[in-house]
Structures are given as C-alpha cells and as structure tokens.
Amino acid sequence: MSPSPETKLVTPVSLLVDLMLVGVFFICAFGLVRSHVPSEDIKVVIGWSALTAACMSGVFWLVIQMFRVVVRAQRAEKK
C-alpha cells in the first residue's frame, strides 16, 4: 500500500529530529574512533576521525530512514 498523495512522508519536525539524532551519533562516533587513529599529529587524528564519523553517520541516516519506512508500512498493514 502506498501512502495517499496528501500524506507528507517528511515533515520539518521529523527532519529536525533526524538531524539531531545524526548529530549526536556523529559526536559519539568521533569520540570513539579518535583513539584508534594511528598518528601523533592532532590535525591528522581530527581529520580522519571526522571523515570516519561522517561516513558512519551517513549510514546511520539511512538506517533511520529505512526504520521509518518499515514502521510506516507495518502501521498501514494493521489498518
């Protein structure tokens, strides 16, 4: 079942919540991977940690979106 044309799949509130969740995830991932970068140069450590956390945050964004689609489909199936 596809949603009706009037149903908004993305609202400003859901987008804001998703961005906040991804931001928190980025900060946590950055802190975790920072200790695993094999360098003494702080610029290199920050750079690689940020790049790694950004990739992981992108995957987390996709996970959130897929979760929303599955929940929406399950709710529509119950109706």
C-alpha atoms as a PDB file:
ATOM      1  CA  MET A   1       0.000   0.000   0.000  1.00  0.00           C
ATOM      2  CA  SER A   2       1.351   3.380  -0.919  1.00  0.00           C
ATOM      3  CA  PRO A   3       0.552   6.458   1.149  1.00  0.00           C
ATOM      4  CA  SER A   4      -2.125   8.798  -0.080  1.00  0.00           C
ATOM      5  CA  PRO A   5      -0.956  11.868  -2.012  1.00  0.00           C
ATOM      6  CA  GLU A   6      -1.917  14.157   0.882  1.00  0.00           C
ATOM      7  CA  THR A   7       0.338  12.325   3.356  1.00  0.00           C
ATOM      8  CA  LYS A   8       3.679  14.004   3.890  1.00  0.00           C
ATOM      9  CA  LEU A   9       6.450  11.490   4.351  1.00  0.00           C
ATOM     10  CA  VAL A  10       8.952  14.061   5.594  1.00  0.00           C
ATOM     11  CA  THR A  11       7.896  16.879   7.863  1.00  0.00           C
ATOM     12  CA  PRO A  12      10.088  19.672   9.211  1.00  0.00           C
ATOM     13  CA  VAL A  13       9.826  18.179  12.699  1.00  0.00           C
ATOM     14  CA  SER A  14      10.873  14.682  11.575  1.00  0.00           C
ATOM     15  CA  LEU A  15      13.753  16.177   9.609  1.00  0.00           C
ATOM     16  CA  LEU A  16      14.908  18.154  12.662  1.00  0.00           C
ATOM     17  CA  VAL A  17      14.700  15.062  14.882  1.00  0.00           C
ATOM     18  CA  ASP A  18      16.692  13.044  12.336  1.00  0.00           C
ATOM     19  CA  LEU A  19      19.371  15.735  12.099  1.00  0.00           C
ATOM     20  CA  MET A  20      19.662  15.889  15.879  1.00  0.00           C
ATOM     21  CA  LEU A  21      19.990  12.099  16.114  1.00  0.00           C
ATOM     22  CA  VAL A  22      22.642  12.050  13.395  1.00  0.00           C
ATOM     23  CA  GLY A  23      24.500  14.903  15.104  1.00  0.00           C
ATOM     24  CA  VAL A  24      24.586  13.051  18.416  1.00  0.00           C
ATOM     25  CA  PHE A  25      25.687   9.886  16.621  1.00  0.00           C
ATOM     26  CA  PHE A  26      28.464  11.826  14.841  1.00  0.00           C
ATOM     27  CA  ILE A  27      29.788  13.194  18.130  1.00  0.00           C
ATOM     28  CA  CYS A  28      29.762   9.741  19.741  1.00  0.00           C
ATOM     29  CA  ALA A  29      31.399   8.071  16.730  1.00  0.00           C
ATOM     30  CA  PHE A  30      34.024  10.829  16.516  1.00  0.00           C
ATOM     31  CA  GLY A  31      34.929  10.284  20.155  1.00  0.00           C
ATOM     32  CA  LEU A  32      35.152   6.532  19.730  1.00  0.00           C
ATOM     33  CA  VAL A  33      37.274   6.425  16.572  1.00  0.00           C
ATOM     34  CA  ARG A  34      39.581   9.244  17.653  1.00  0.00           C
ATOM     35  CA  SER A  35      41.614   6.922  19.861  1.00  0.00           C
ATOM     36  CA  HIS A  36      42.051   4.427  17.004  1.00  0.00           C
ATOM     37  CA  VAL A  37      43.804   6.752  14.528  1.00  0.00           C
ATOM     38  CA  PRO A  38      47.488   5.736  14.439  1.00  0.00           C
ATOM     39  CA  SER A  39      49.080   9.185  14.443  1.00  0.00           C
ATOM     40  CA  GLU A  40      50.581  11.682  16.859  1.00  0.00           C
ATOM     41  CA  ASP A  41      49.607  14.725  14.745  1.00  0.00           C
ATOM     42  CA  ILE A  42      46.371  16.161  16.140  1.00  0.00           C
ATOM     43  CA  LYS A  43      45.279  17.527  12.744  1.00  0.00           C
ATOM     44  CA  VAL A  44      45.564  14.084  11.183  1.00  0.00           C
ATOM     45  CA  VAL A  45      43.707  12.488  14.082  1.00  0.00           C
ATOM     46  CA  ILE A  46      40.867  15.019  13.899  1.00  0.00           C
ATOM     47  CA  GLY A  47      40.685  14.795  10.095  1.00  0.00           C
ATOM     48  CA  TRP A  48      40.484  11.007   9.876  1.00  0.00           C
ATOM     49  CA  SER A  49      38.171  10.796  12.874  1.00  0.00           C
ATOM     50  CA  ALA A  50      35.794  13.316  11.311  1.00  0.00           C
ATOM     51  CA  LEU A  51      35.840  11.564   7.926  1.00  0.00           C
ATOM     52  CA  THR A  52      35.187   8.179   9.522  1.00  0.00           C
ATOM     53  CA  ALA A  53      32.427   9.531  11.753  1.00  0.00           C
ATOM     54  CA  ALA A  54      30.856  11.287   8.742  1.00  0.00           C
ATOM     55  CA  CYS A  55      30.705   8.020   6.765  1.00  0.00           C
ATOM     56  CA  MET A  56      29.232   6.186   9.720  1.00  0.00           C
ATOM     57  CA  SER A  57      26.718   8.996  10.273  1.00  0.00           C
ATOM     58  CA  GLY A  58      25.611   8.718   6.647  1.00  0.00           C
ATOM     59  CA  VAL A  59      24.907   5.032   7.161  1.00  0.00           C
ATOM     60  CA  PHE A  60      23.067   5.865  10.391  1.00  0.00           C
ATOM     61  CA  TRP A  61      20.920   8.377   8.453  1.00  0.00           C
ATOM     62  CA  LEU A  62      19.978   5.604   6.016  1.00  0.00           C
ATOM     63  CA  VAL A  63      19.146   3.280   8.915  1.00  0.00           C
ATOM     64  CA  ILE A  64      16.801   5.882  10.407  1.00  0.00           C
ATOM     65  CA  GLN A  65      15.045   6.364   7.072  1.00  0.00           C
ATOM     66  CA  MET A  66      14.651   2.618   6.484  1.00  0.00           C
ATOM     67  CA  PHE A  67      13.300   2.202  10.008  1.00  0.00           C
ATOM     68  CA  ARG A  68      10.687   4.895   9.374  1.00  0.00           C
ATOM     69  CA  VAL A  69       9.590   3.204   6.139  1.00  0.00           C
ATOM     70  CA  VAL A  70       9.225  -0.186   7.833  1.00  0.00           C
ATOM     71  CA  VAL A  71       7.281   1.247  10.771  1.00  0.00           C
ATOM     72  CA  ARG A  72       5.001   3.185   8.407  1.00  0.00           C
ATOM     73  CA  ALA A  73       4.356   0.052   6.333  1.00  0.00           C
ATOM     74  CA  GLN A  74       3.610  -2.036   9.421  1.00  0.00           C
ATOM     75  CA  ARG A  75       1.160   0.570  10.727  1.00  0.00           C
ATOM     76  CA  ALA A  76      -0.559   0.776   7.341  1.00  0.00           C
ATOM     77  CA  GLU A  77      -0.855  -3.015   7.237  1.00  0.00           C
ATOM     78  CA  LYS A  78      -2.601  -3.084  10.618  1.00  0.00           C
ATOM     79  CA  LYS A  79      -5.260  -0.612   9.440  1.00  0.00           C
END
